[in-house]
Amino acid sequence: MTVGTLNKLSKLITKYVQGQFLRKLELESEDLKLRFEIIPVVNRQNTSDSTTLIPLQADATGTKKIKVGDQFQILIYNEGIKPAYFNLIDIQPDNIFNFLLPFENQTAEELRILPGQKKLMPSIYKVWPPRGNEVFKLVASTKPLDLKSAYGTRGNKNENPFEKLFSETEKPEFYNTRGGKPVSLGNMEINTYTESFIIAN
């Protein structure tokens, strides 16, 4: 096995472990209370009025399912007492993760929501394989947050503390440290909200 192949394999393993870490990541803040709903798109003409939208429903077993090829939007709620900035991460059944929010060319400052506000995100997403247990994780912050830009960078002095933590999770040594590597979030408040569902045929 060549050095290049070993390096590629090491990166794949680290990314898989990073996906597991993100699945389990749960942070709470008393003042930040954001949540979201997955809104199946049945009729695009009706998606502009958030009061008529019906979220993805659980079946009799309490499981939420969505089929490959289905389309959906995301509806964000701020039920806390502070304005918040947010990002949304998609963690696939194979632990590969993607960023649903921010969109391409969207700034961190644009992803802001006021207390009591609900915001229907305009993008319509389509469900793709792999099938299995998918996780969407909403990360809310009191400061502008851009995990998409932080990912794949070596870090810079302008990163907020959570972006720094996120970029640290790309390094294998982050997981080799017993108990994890301590990172201070300073006076920054962070909250996460998770929805899981099954991608089916």
N, C-alpha and C. Protein backbone atom coordinates (compact mmCIF):
# COMPACT_ATOMS: atom_id res chain seq x y z
N MET A 1 0.85 -1.20 0.00
CA MET A 1 0.00 0.00 0.00
C MET A 1 0.88 1.24 0.00
N THR A 2 0.62 2.16 -0.90
CA THR A 2 1.44 3.35 -1.03
C THR A 2 1.14 4.36 0.07
N VAL A 3 2.07 5.32 0.23
CA VAL A 3 1.87 6.37 1.22
C VAL A 3 0.63 7.20 0.89
N GLY A 4 0.44 7.46 -0.41
CA GLY A 4 -0.74 8.21 -0.83
C GLY A 4 -2.03 7.51 -0.48
N THR A 5 -2.05 6.19 -0.67
CA THR A 5 -3.25 5.40 -0.34
C THR A 5 -3.50 5.41 1.16
N LEU A 6 -2.42 5.29 1.94
CA LEU A 6 -2.55 5.31 3.41
C LEU A 6 -3.09 6.66 3.88
N ASN A 7 -2.59 7.74 3.30
CA ASN A 7 -3.07 9.07 3.68
C ASN A 7 -4.54 9.25 3.35
N LYS A 8 -4.93 8.74 2.17
CA LYS A 8 -6.33 8.84 1.76
C LYS A 8 -7.23 8.04 2.70
N LEU A 9 -6.76 6.84 3.07
CA LEU A 9 -7.52 5.99 3.99
C LEU A 9 -7.64 6.65 5.36
N SER A 10 -6.54 7.26 5.82
CA SER A 10 -6.55 7.94 7.11
C SER A 10 -7.56 9.09 7.13
N LYS A 11 -7.64 9.84 6.02
CA LYS A 11 -8.59 10.94 5.93
C LYS A 11 -10.03 10.44 5.94
N LEU A 12 -10.27 9.32 5.25
CA LEU A 12 -11.62 8.75 5.22
C LEU A 12 -12.05 8.29 6.61
N ILE A 13 -11.12 7.66 7.33
CA ILE A 13 -11.43 7.19 8.69
C ILE A 13 -11.71 8.37 9.61
N THR A 14 -10.88 9.41 9.51
CA THR A 14 -11.07 10.60 10.34
C THR A 14 -12.42 11.26 10.05
N LYS A 15 -12.79 11.34 8.77
CA LYS A 15 -14.06 11.96 8.42
C LYS A 15 -15.23 11.13 8.94
N TYR A 16 -15.09 9.80 8.91
CA TYR A 16 -16.15 8.93 9.44
C TYR A 16 -16.31 9.16 10.95
N VAL A 17 -15.18 9.22 11.65
CA VAL A 17 -15.21 9.45 13.11
C VAL A 17 -15.76 10.84 13.40
N GLN A 18 -15.42 11.81 12.56
CA GLN A 18 -15.95 13.16 12.72
C GLN A 18 -17.46 13.17 12.59
N GLY A 19 -17.98 12.39 11.64
CA GLY A 19 -19.43 12.27 11.48
C GLY A 19 -20.08 11.69 12.72
N GLN A 20 -19.45 10.67 13.32
CA GLN A 20 -19.96 10.08 14.56
C GLN A 20 -19.98 11.12 15.67
N PHE A 21 -18.90 11.91 15.76
CA PHE A 21 -18.81 12.95 16.78
C PHE A 21 -19.94 13.96 16.63
N LEU A 22 -20.21 14.38 15.39
CA LEU A 22 -21.27 15.36 15.15
C LEU A 22 -22.65 14.79 15.47
N ARG A 23 -22.86 13.50 15.20
CA ARG A 23 -24.13 12.86 15.54
C ARG A 23 -24.42 12.97 17.04
N LYS A 24 -23.38 12.80 17.84
CA LYS A 24 -23.55 12.75 19.30
C LYS A 24 -23.45 14.12 19.96
N LEU A 25 -23.00 15.12 19.21
CA LEU A 25 -22.79 16.45 19.79
C LEU A 25 -24.11 17.08 20.22
N GLU A 26 -24.23 17.38 21.50
CA GLU A 26 -25.42 18.04 22.04
C GLU A 26 -24.98 19.15 22.98
N LEU A 27 -25.39 20.38 22.70
CA LEU A 27 -25.07 21.53 23.54
C LEU A 27 -26.35 22.28 23.86
N GLU A 28 -26.44 22.80 25.09
CA GLU A 28 -27.66 23.49 25.51
C GLU A 28 -27.35 24.90 26.00
N SER A 29 -28.28 25.79 25.75
CA SER A 29 -28.22 27.16 26.26
C SER A 29 -29.61 27.54 26.75
N GLU A 30 -29.69 28.17 27.91
CA GLU A 30 -31.00 28.56 28.45
C GLU A 30 -31.67 29.63 27.60
N ASP A 31 -30.88 30.50 26.99
CA ASP A 31 -31.43 31.65 26.26
C ASP A 31 -31.62 31.38 24.76
N LEU A 32 -30.85 30.44 24.22
CA LEU A 32 -30.97 30.09 22.80
C LEU A 32 -31.82 28.84 22.66
N LYS A 33 -32.95 28.96 22.02
CA LYS A 33 -33.86 27.83 21.83
C LYS A 33 -34.33 27.81 20.38
N LEU A 34 -33.51 27.29 19.52
CA LEU A 34 -33.90 27.15 18.12
C LEU A 34 -34.28 25.71 17.82
N ARG A 35 -35.25 25.55 16.96
CA ARG A 35 -35.60 24.22 16.46
C ARG A 35 -36.00 24.37 15.00
N PHE A 36 -36.19 23.24 14.34
CA PHE A 36 -36.60 23.29 12.94
C PHE A 36 -37.52 22.13 12.62
N GLU A 37 -38.22 22.26 11.52
CA GLU A 37 -39.07 21.19 11.01
C GLU A 37 -38.72 20.93 9.56
N ILE A 38 -38.83 19.67 9.18
CA ILE A 38 -38.66 19.27 7.78
C ILE A 38 -40.03 19.32 7.12
N ILE A 39 -40.16 20.12 6.08
CA ILE A 39 -41.45 20.33 5.41
C ILE A 39 -41.44 19.65 4.04
N PRO A 40 -42.09 18.49 3.91
CA PRO A 40 -42.16 17.86 2.58
C PRO A 40 -42.83 18.79 1.58
N VAL A 41 -42.26 18.88 0.39
CA VAL A 41 -42.82 19.73 -0.66
C VAL A 41 -43.76 18.89 -1.51
N VAL A 42 -45.06 19.10 -1.31
CA VAL A 42 -46.07 18.38 -2.09
C VAL A 42 -46.56 19.26 -3.23
N ASN A 43 -46.74 20.52 -2.91
CA ASN A 43 -47.20 21.48 -3.91
C ASN A 43 -46.39 22.76 -3.76
N ARG A 44 -45.50 23.01 -4.68
CA ARG A 44 -44.60 24.16 -4.57
C ARG A 44 -45.34 25.49 -4.48
N GLN A 45 -46.54 25.56 -5.05
CA GLN A 45 -47.27 26.82 -5.05
C GLN A 45 -47.70 27.21 -3.64
N ASN A 46 -47.74 26.26 -2.73
CA ASN A 46 -48.21 26.55 -1.37
C ASN A 46 -47.08 26.73 -0.37
N THR A 47 -45.81 26.66 -0.82
CA THR A 47 -44.70 26.68 0.13
C THR A 47 -44.34 28.07 0.64
N SER A 48 -44.93 29.13 0.09
CA SER A 48 -44.59 30.48 0.52
C SER A 48 -45.31 30.90 1.79
N ASP A 49 -46.40 30.23 2.14
CA ASP A 49 -47.18 30.56 3.34
C ASP A 49 -46.87 29.54 4.43
N SER A 50 -46.06 29.95 5.42
CA SER A 50 -45.60 29.01 6.44
C SER A 50 -46.72 28.50 7.34
N THR A 51 -47.86 29.21 7.39
CA THR A 51 -48.96 28.77 8.26
C THR A 51 -49.67 27.54 7.71
N THR A 52 -49.50 27.26 6.43
CA THR A 52 -50.19 26.11 5.83
C THR A 52 -49.29 24.90 5.67
N LEU A 53 -48.05 25.00 6.11
CA LEU A 53 -47.09 23.93 5.89
C LEU A 53 -47.27 22.80 6.90
N ILE A 54 -47.13 21.57 6.43
CA ILE A 54 -47.28 20.39 7.28
C ILE A 54 -45.91 19.71 7.41
N PRO A 55 -45.38 19.60 8.63
CA PRO A 55 -44.06 18.99 8.81
C PRO A 55 -44.08 17.48 8.60
N LEU A 56 -42.90 16.92 8.43
CA LEU A 56 -42.74 15.48 8.30
C LEU A 56 -43.28 14.80 9.56
N GLN A 57 -44.17 13.82 9.38
CA GLN A 57 -44.85 13.17 10.50
C GLN A 57 -44.23 11.80 10.80
N ALA A 58 -44.26 11.43 12.08
CA ALA A 58 -43.80 10.10 12.49
C ALA A 58 -44.90 9.08 12.25
N ASP A 59 -44.51 7.83 11.99
CA ASP A 59 -45.50 6.77 11.81
C ASP A 59 -45.91 6.20 13.17
N ALA A 60 -46.65 5.09 13.17
CA ALA A 60 -47.18 4.51 14.41
C ALA A 60 -46.08 4.06 15.36
N THR A 61 -44.89 3.81 14.83
CA THR A 61 -43.77 3.37 15.67
C THR A 61 -42.94 4.55 16.18
N GLY A 62 -43.34 5.76 15.80
CA GLY A 62 -42.60 6.95 16.22
C GLY A 62 -41.43 7.29 15.31
N THR A 63 -41.35 6.63 14.16
CA THR A 63 -40.24 6.83 13.23
C THR A 63 -40.65 7.77 12.09
N LYS A 64 -39.80 8.72 11.80
CA LYS A 64 -40.02 9.59 10.65
C LYS A 64 -39.30 9.01 9.45
N LYS A 65 -40.00 8.95 8.31
CA LYS A 65 -39.42 8.38 7.09
C LYS A 65 -39.63 9.32 5.92
N ILE A 66 -38.66 9.32 5.04
CA ILE A 66 -38.76 10.11 3.82
C ILE A 66 -38.13 9.29 2.69
N LYS A 67 -38.70 9.35 1.51
CA LYS A 67 -38.26 8.48 0.41
C LYS A 67 -37.22 9.16 -0.48
N VAL A 68 -36.37 8.33 -1.04
CA VAL A 68 -35.42 8.82 -2.04
C VAL A 68 -36.20 9.48 -3.18
N GLY A 69 -35.79 10.67 -3.55
CA GLY A 69 -36.48 11.42 -4.61
C GLY A 69 -37.46 12.45 -4.09
N ASP A 70 -37.88 12.32 -2.81
CA ASP A 70 -38.78 13.32 -2.23
C ASP A 70 -38.05 14.65 -2.07
N GLN A 71 -38.84 15.73 -1.97
CA GLN A 71 -38.27 17.05 -1.79
C GLN A 71 -38.80 17.68 -0.51
N PHE A 72 -38.02 18.59 0.05
CA PHE A 72 -38.43 19.21 1.32
C PHE A 72 -37.79 20.59 1.46
N GLN A 73 -38.37 21.36 2.39
CA GLN A 73 -37.79 22.63 2.82
C GLN A 73 -37.58 22.58 4.32
N ILE A 74 -36.88 23.58 4.83
CA ILE A 74 -36.59 23.66 6.26
C ILE A 74 -37.26 24.91 6.84
N LEU A 75 -37.99 24.71 7.95
CA LEU A 75 -38.65 25.81 8.66
C LEU A 75 -37.98 25.96 10.02
N ILE A 76 -37.39 27.14 10.27
CA ILE A 76 -36.65 27.41 11.50
C ILE A 76 -37.52 28.22 12.46
N TYR A 77 -37.49 27.86 13.75
CA TYR A 77 -38.20 28.59 14.80
C TYR A 77 -37.19 29.09 15.84
N ASN A 78 -37.37 30.32 16.30
CA ASN A 78 -36.60 30.81 17.44
C ASN A 78 -37.55 30.94 18.63
N GLU A 79 -37.46 30.00 19.55
CA GLU A 79 -38.32 29.99 20.74
C GLU A 79 -37.57 30.46 21.98
N GLY A 80 -36.40 31.06 21.77
CA GLY A 80 -35.61 31.58 22.88
C GLY A 80 -35.85 33.07 23.10
N ILE A 81 -34.98 33.68 23.91
CA ILE A 81 -35.15 35.10 24.24
C ILE A 81 -34.07 35.97 23.60
N LYS A 82 -33.19 35.36 22.81
CA LYS A 82 -32.12 36.11 22.16
C LYS A 82 -32.14 35.88 20.65
N PRO A 83 -31.72 36.89 19.87
CA PRO A 83 -31.48 36.65 18.45
C PRO A 83 -30.39 35.59 18.30
N ALA A 84 -30.43 34.84 17.23
CA ALA A 84 -29.45 33.76 17.06
C ALA A 84 -29.04 33.64 15.60
N TYR A 85 -27.82 33.19 15.42
CA TYR A 85 -27.31 32.81 14.10
C TYR A 85 -27.30 31.28 14.05
N PHE A 86 -27.45 30.73 12.86
CA PHE A 86 -27.58 29.28 12.80
C PHE A 86 -26.95 28.69 11.54
N ASN A 87 -26.53 27.43 11.67
CA ASN A 87 -26.07 26.58 10.56
C ASN A 87 -26.81 25.26 10.67
N LEU A 88 -26.93 24.54 9.55
CA LEU A 88 -27.60 23.24 9.55
C LEU A 88 -26.70 22.21 8.87
N ILE A 89 -26.41 21.13 9.60
CA ILE A 89 -25.53 20.07 9.11
C ILE A 89 -26.35 18.81 8.84
N ASP A 90 -26.07 18.16 7.72
CA ASP A 90 -26.70 16.90 7.34
C ASP A 90 -25.67 15.79 7.51
N ILE A 91 -25.98 14.81 8.37
CA ILE A 91 -25.08 13.67 8.60
C ILE A 91 -25.73 12.43 8.01
N GLN A 92 -25.15 11.89 6.95
CA GLN A 92 -25.72 10.78 6.22
C GLN A 92 -25.60 9.46 7.00
N PRO A 93 -26.31 8.42 6.57
CA PRO A 93 -26.20 7.11 7.24
C PRO A 93 -24.78 6.57 7.27
N ASP A 94 -23.95 6.95 6.28
CA ASP A 94 -22.56 6.49 6.26
C ASP A 94 -21.62 7.45 6.99
N ASN A 95 -22.19 8.42 7.73
CA ASN A 95 -21.47 9.41 8.53
C ASN A 95 -20.75 10.48 7.70
N ILE A 96 -20.93 10.47 6.38
CA ILE A 96 -20.46 11.60 5.59
C ILE A 96 -21.40 12.77 5.85
N PHE A 97 -20.84 13.96 6.07
CA PHE A 97 -21.72 15.09 6.39
C PHE A 97 -21.59 16.21 5.37
N ASN A 98 -22.67 16.95 5.24
CA ASN A 98 -22.77 18.07 4.30
C ASN A 98 -23.39 19.26 5.03
N PHE A 99 -23.26 20.42 4.44
CA PHE A 99 -23.84 21.63 5.02
C PHE A 99 -25.06 22.05 4.21
N LEU A 100 -26.22 21.99 4.85
CA LEU A 100 -27.45 22.46 4.19
C LEU A 100 -27.57 23.98 4.29
N LEU A 101 -27.11 24.52 5.40
CA LEU A 101 -27.07 25.97 5.62
C LEU A 101 -25.74 26.32 6.27
N PRO A 102 -25.00 27.31 5.79
CA PRO A 102 -25.40 28.29 4.79
C PRO A 102 -25.42 27.73 3.36
N PHE A 103 -26.22 28.43 2.51
CA PHE A 103 -26.22 28.12 1.09
C PHE A 103 -24.89 28.57 0.48
N GLU A 104 -24.72 28.25 -0.79
CA GLU A 104 -23.57 28.76 -1.54
C GLU A 104 -23.66 30.29 -1.61
N ASN A 105 -22.54 30.95 -1.31
CA ASN A 105 -22.43 32.42 -1.38
C ASN A 105 -23.32 33.14 -0.36
N GLN A 106 -23.76 32.44 0.68
CA GLN A 106 -24.56 33.08 1.73
C GLN A 106 -23.66 33.39 2.91
N THR A 107 -23.79 34.60 3.46
CA THR A 107 -22.93 35.00 4.57
C THR A 107 -23.51 34.53 5.90
N ALA A 108 -22.63 34.46 6.91
CA ALA A 108 -23.06 34.05 8.24
C ALA A 108 -24.08 35.03 8.82
N GLU A 109 -23.92 36.31 8.50
CA GLU A 109 -24.82 37.34 9.03
C GLU A 109 -26.25 37.20 8.49
N GLU A 110 -26.40 36.60 7.33
CA GLU A 110 -27.73 36.41 6.75
C GLU A 110 -28.54 35.35 7.48
N LEU A 111 -27.87 34.42 8.11
CA LEU A 111 -28.56 33.33 8.82
C LEU A 111 -28.81 33.75 10.27
N ARG A 112 -29.70 34.71 10.43
CA ARG A 112 -30.04 35.27 11.74
C ARG A 112 -31.55 35.24 11.90
N ILE A 113 -31.99 34.93 13.11
CA ILE A 113 -33.42 34.84 13.38
C ILE A 113 -33.71 35.47 14.74
N LEU A 114 -34.78 36.25 14.82
CA LEU A 114 -35.14 36.98 16.04
C LEU A 114 -36.01 36.13 16.96
N PRO A 115 -36.07 36.46 18.25
CA PRO A 115 -36.95 35.73 19.17
C PRO A 115 -38.40 35.79 18.70
N GLY A 116 -39.08 34.65 18.72
CA GLY A 116 -40.47 34.57 18.29
C GLY A 116 -40.67 34.47 16.80
N GLN A 117 -39.60 34.57 16.04
CA GLN A 117 -39.71 34.54 14.58
C GLN A 117 -39.62 33.10 14.07
N LYS A 118 -40.30 32.83 12.96
CA LYS A 118 -40.08 31.57 12.24
C LYS A 118 -39.73 31.92 10.80
N LYS A 119 -38.84 31.13 10.23
CA LYS A 119 -38.29 31.48 8.93
C LYS A 119 -38.26 30.24 8.04
N LEU A 120 -38.99 30.30 6.92
CA LEU A 120 -38.97 29.22 5.94
C LEU A 120 -37.81 29.46 4.99
N MET A 121 -36.85 28.55 4.98
CA MET A 121 -35.70 28.70 4.10
C MET A 121 -36.12 28.43 2.65
N PRO A 122 -35.70 29.26 1.72
CA PRO A 122 -36.23 29.17 0.35
C PRO A 122 -35.76 27.96 -0.45
N SER A 123 -34.60 27.41 -0.11
CA SER A 123 -34.08 26.29 -0.91
C SER A 123 -34.95 25.05 -0.78
N ILE A 124 -35.12 24.35 -1.89
CA ILE A 124 -35.82 23.06 -1.90
C ILE A 124 -34.77 21.97 -2.10
N TYR A 125 -34.72 21.05 -1.14
CA TYR A 125 -33.73 19.97 -1.17
C TYR A 125 -34.36 18.68 -1.68
N LYS A 126 -33.55 17.86 -2.32
CA LYS A 126 -34.00 16.56 -2.81
C LYS A 126 -33.28 15.46 -2.06
N VAL A 127 -34.00 14.39 -1.72
CA VAL A 127 -33.43 13.28 -0.96
C VAL A 127 -32.70 12.32 -1.89
N TRP A 128 -31.45 12.00 -1.52
CA TRP A 128 -30.63 11.07 -2.29
C TRP A 128 -30.17 9.92 -1.39
N PRO A 129 -29.77 8.77 -1.98
CA PRO A 129 -29.14 7.72 -1.18
C PRO A 129 -27.84 8.28 -0.57
N PRO A 130 -27.26 7.56 0.43
CA PRO A 130 -27.60 6.21 0.87
C PRO A 130 -28.84 6.17 1.78
N ARG A 131 -29.47 5.02 1.81
CA ARG A 131 -30.63 4.80 2.66
C ARG A 131 -30.16 4.48 4.08
N GLY A 132 -31.04 4.77 5.04
CA GLY A 132 -30.69 4.50 6.43
C GLY A 132 -31.04 5.67 7.32
N ASN A 133 -30.37 5.74 8.47
CA ASN A 133 -30.68 6.73 9.49
C ASN A 133 -29.92 8.03 9.23
N GLU A 134 -30.65 9.05 8.84
CA GLU A 134 -30.08 10.37 8.54
C GLU A 134 -30.31 11.30 9.73
N VAL A 135 -29.35 12.19 9.97
CA VAL A 135 -29.46 13.16 11.07
C VAL A 135 -29.24 14.56 10.53
N PHE A 136 -30.15 15.47 10.88
CA PHE A 136 -29.96 16.90 10.63
C PHE A 136 -29.69 17.55 11.98
N LYS A 137 -28.63 18.36 12.06
CA LYS A 137 -28.29 19.01 13.32
C LYS A 137 -28.21 20.52 13.11
N LEU A 138 -29.05 21.24 13.84
CA LEU A 138 -29.06 22.70 13.80
C LEU A 138 -28.16 23.22 14.91
N VAL A 139 -27.21 24.07 14.54
CA VAL A 139 -26.30 24.69 15.51
C VAL A 139 -26.63 26.17 15.58
N ALA A 140 -26.98 26.64 16.77
CA ALA A 140 -27.34 28.04 16.98
C ALA A 140 -26.29 28.72 17.84
N SER A 141 -26.04 29.99 17.56
CA SER A 141 -24.98 30.73 18.24
C SER A 141 -25.40 32.18 18.45
N THR A 142 -24.84 32.81 19.48
CA THR A 142 -25.08 34.23 19.70
C THR A 142 -24.23 35.10 18.78
N LYS A 143 -23.25 34.48 18.11
CA LYS A 143 -22.38 35.21 17.19
C LYS A 143 -22.47 34.58 15.80
N PRO A 144 -22.20 35.36 14.75
CA PRO A 144 -22.24 34.80 13.39
C PRO A 144 -21.40 33.53 13.29
N LEU A 145 -21.93 32.56 12.56
CA LEU A 145 -21.34 31.22 12.53
C LEU A 145 -21.29 30.74 11.08
N ASP A 146 -20.12 30.27 10.65
CA ASP A 146 -19.98 29.73 9.30
C ASP A 146 -19.10 28.49 9.35
N LEU A 147 -19.71 27.36 9.69
CA LEU A 147 -18.97 26.11 9.81
C LEU A 147 -18.50 25.62 8.45
N LYS A 148 -19.24 25.96 7.41
CA LYS A 148 -18.87 25.53 6.06
C LYS A 148 -17.52 26.11 5.66
N SER A 149 -17.29 27.39 5.98
CA SER A 149 -16.01 28.02 5.66
C SER A 149 -14.91 27.55 6.59
N ALA A 150 -15.27 27.26 7.84
CA ALA A 150 -14.27 26.79 8.81
C ALA A 150 -13.77 25.40 8.46
N TYR A 151 -14.64 24.59 7.84
CA TYR A 151 -14.26 23.22 7.50
C TYR A 151 -13.21 23.23 6.38
N GLY A 152 -12.14 22.49 6.60
CA GLY A 152 -11.10 22.39 5.58
C GLY A 152 -10.05 23.48 5.67
N THR A 153 -10.16 24.37 6.68
CA THR A 153 -9.15 25.40 6.87
C THR A 153 -8.30 25.06 8.07
N ARG A 154 -7.16 25.69 8.17
CA ARG A 154 -6.25 25.45 9.29
C ARG A 154 -6.56 26.36 10.47
N GLY A 155 -7.60 27.16 10.31
CA GLY A 155 -7.96 28.05 11.41
C GLY A 155 -7.33 29.42 11.24
N ASN A 156 -7.99 30.43 11.76
CA ASN A 156 -7.43 31.78 11.73
C ASN A 156 -7.92 32.54 12.94
N LYS A 157 -7.29 33.67 13.19
CA LYS A 157 -7.57 34.41 14.42
C LYS A 157 -8.97 35.00 14.44
N ASN A 158 -9.64 35.07 13.28
CA ASN A 158 -10.97 35.64 13.22
C ASN A 158 -12.08 34.62 13.47
N GLU A 159 -11.72 33.34 13.55
CA GLU A 159 -12.74 32.32 13.82
C GLU A 159 -13.36 32.54 15.19
N ASN A 160 -14.66 32.29 15.29
CA ASN A 160 -15.22 32.28 16.64
C ASN A 160 -14.86 30.94 17.28
N PRO A 161 -15.00 30.81 18.60
CA PRO A 161 -14.52 29.61 19.29
C PRO A 161 -15.14 28.31 18.80
N PHE A 162 -16.43 28.33 18.42
CA PHE A 162 -17.04 27.08 17.98
C PHE A 162 -16.53 26.69 16.59
N GLU A 163 -16.28 27.66 15.73
CA GLU A 163 -15.67 27.36 14.43
C GLU A 163 -14.30 26.73 14.62
N LYS A 164 -13.56 27.23 15.61
CA LYS A 164 -12.24 26.66 15.91
C LYS A 164 -12.38 25.22 16.38
N LEU A 165 -13.34 24.97 17.26
CA LEU A 165 -13.59 23.60 17.72
C LEU A 165 -13.94 22.70 16.54
N PHE A 166 -14.78 23.19 15.65
CA PHE A 166 -15.21 22.39 14.51
C PHE A 166 -14.03 22.04 13.61
N SER A 167 -13.16 23.02 13.35
CA SER A 167 -12.00 22.75 12.50
C SER A 167 -11.03 21.79 13.18
N GLU A 168 -10.97 21.83 14.52
CA GLU A 168 -10.10 20.90 15.26
C GLU A 168 -10.55 19.46 15.09
N THR A 169 -11.85 19.24 14.89
CA THR A 169 -12.35 17.86 14.78
C THR A 169 -11.89 17.18 13.49
N GLU A 170 -11.29 17.93 12.57
CA GLU A 170 -10.75 17.33 11.35
C GLU A 170 -9.42 16.63 11.60
N LYS A 171 -8.80 16.89 12.73
CA LYS A 171 -7.46 16.36 13.01
C LYS A 171 -7.56 15.05 13.78
N PRO A 172 -6.86 14.00 13.34
CA PRO A 172 -6.91 12.71 14.05
C PRO A 172 -6.54 12.82 15.52
N GLU A 173 -5.60 13.73 15.85
CA GLU A 173 -5.16 13.85 17.25
C GLU A 173 -6.27 14.36 18.16
N PHE A 174 -7.29 15.00 17.59
CA PHE A 174 -8.44 15.45 18.39
C PHE A 174 -9.10 14.27 19.09
N TYR A 175 -9.17 13.13 18.39
CA TYR A 175 -9.84 11.94 18.92
C TYR A 175 -8.88 11.05 19.70
N ASN A 176 -7.56 11.30 19.56
CA ASN A 176 -6.58 10.49 20.27
C ASN A 176 -6.32 11.00 21.67
N THR A 177 -6.76 12.22 21.95
CA THR A 177 -6.56 12.80 23.28
C THR A 177 -7.61 12.26 24.24
N ARG A 178 -7.15 11.68 25.35
CA ARG A 178 -8.08 11.12 26.32
C ARG A 178 -8.99 12.21 26.87
N GLY A 179 -10.30 11.98 26.75
CA GLY A 179 -11.26 12.96 27.25
C GLY A 179 -11.51 14.10 26.29
N GLY A 180 -10.82 14.08 25.14
CA GLY A 180 -11.02 15.15 24.17
C GLY A 180 -10.15 16.34 24.49
N LYS A 181 -9.98 17.21 23.53
CA LYS A 181 -9.16 18.40 23.69
C LYS A 181 -10.02 19.56 24.18
N PRO A 182 -9.69 20.16 25.34
CA PRO A 182 -10.53 21.24 25.86
C PRO A 182 -10.47 22.48 24.99
N VAL A 183 -11.64 23.03 24.69
CA VAL A 183 -11.74 24.27 23.91
C VAL A 183 -12.70 25.20 24.63
N SER A 184 -12.25 26.42 24.91
CA SER A 184 -13.11 27.39 25.58
C SER A 184 -13.97 28.12 24.57
N LEU A 185 -15.27 28.22 24.87
CA LEU A 185 -16.18 28.97 24.00
C LEU A 185 -16.33 30.41 24.46
N GLY A 186 -15.58 30.81 25.50
CA GLY A 186 -15.63 32.18 25.99
C GLY A 186 -17.04 32.55 26.43
N ASN A 187 -17.50 33.75 26.03
CA ASN A 187 -18.85 34.19 26.39
C ASN A 187 -19.86 33.87 25.29
N MET A 188 -19.49 32.98 24.41
CA MET A 188 -20.35 32.61 23.28
C MET A 188 -21.30 31.49 23.70
N GLU A 189 -22.59 31.70 23.44
CA GLU A 189 -23.58 30.67 23.75
C GLU A 189 -23.88 29.84 22.51
N ILE A 190 -23.98 28.52 22.71
CA ILE A 190 -24.24 27.58 21.62
C ILE A 190 -25.38 26.65 22.02
N ASN A 191 -26.25 26.36 21.08
CA ASN A 191 -27.31 25.39 21.30
C ASN A 191 -27.44 24.51 20.06
N THR A 192 -27.71 23.22 20.26
CA THR A 192 -27.94 22.33 19.13
C THR A 192 -29.34 21.73 19.22
N TYR A 193 -29.89 21.42 18.06
CA TYR A 193 -31.20 20.75 17.97
C TYR A 193 -31.08 19.71 16.87
N THR A 194 -31.55 18.49 17.16
CA THR A 194 -31.34 17.36 16.26
C THR A 194 -32.66 16.73 15.83
N GLU A 195 -32.75 16.41 14.56
CA GLU A 195 -33.86 15.63 14.02
C GLU A 195 -33.26 14.44 13.27
N SER A 196 -33.79 13.24 13.54
CA SER A 196 -33.34 12.06 12.80
C SER A 196 -34.52 11.43 12.08
N PHE A 197 -34.23 10.80 10.96
CA PHE A 197 -35.29 10.17 10.17
C PHE A 197 -34.66 9.08 9.31
N ILE A 198 -35.50 8.25 8.74
CA ILE A 198 -35.04 7.15 7.91
C ILE A 198 -35.23 7.51 6.43
N ILE A 199 -34.18 7.36 5.65
CA ILE A 199 -34.31 7.46 4.20
C ILE A 199 -34.65 6.08 3.67
N ALA A 200 -35.81 5.96 3.05
CA ALA A 200 -36.31 4.66 2.60
C ALA A 200 -36.49 4.65 1.08
N ASN A 201 -36.87 3.48 0.55
CA ASN A 201 -37.13 3.34 -0.89
C ASN A 201 -38.37 4.14 -1.28
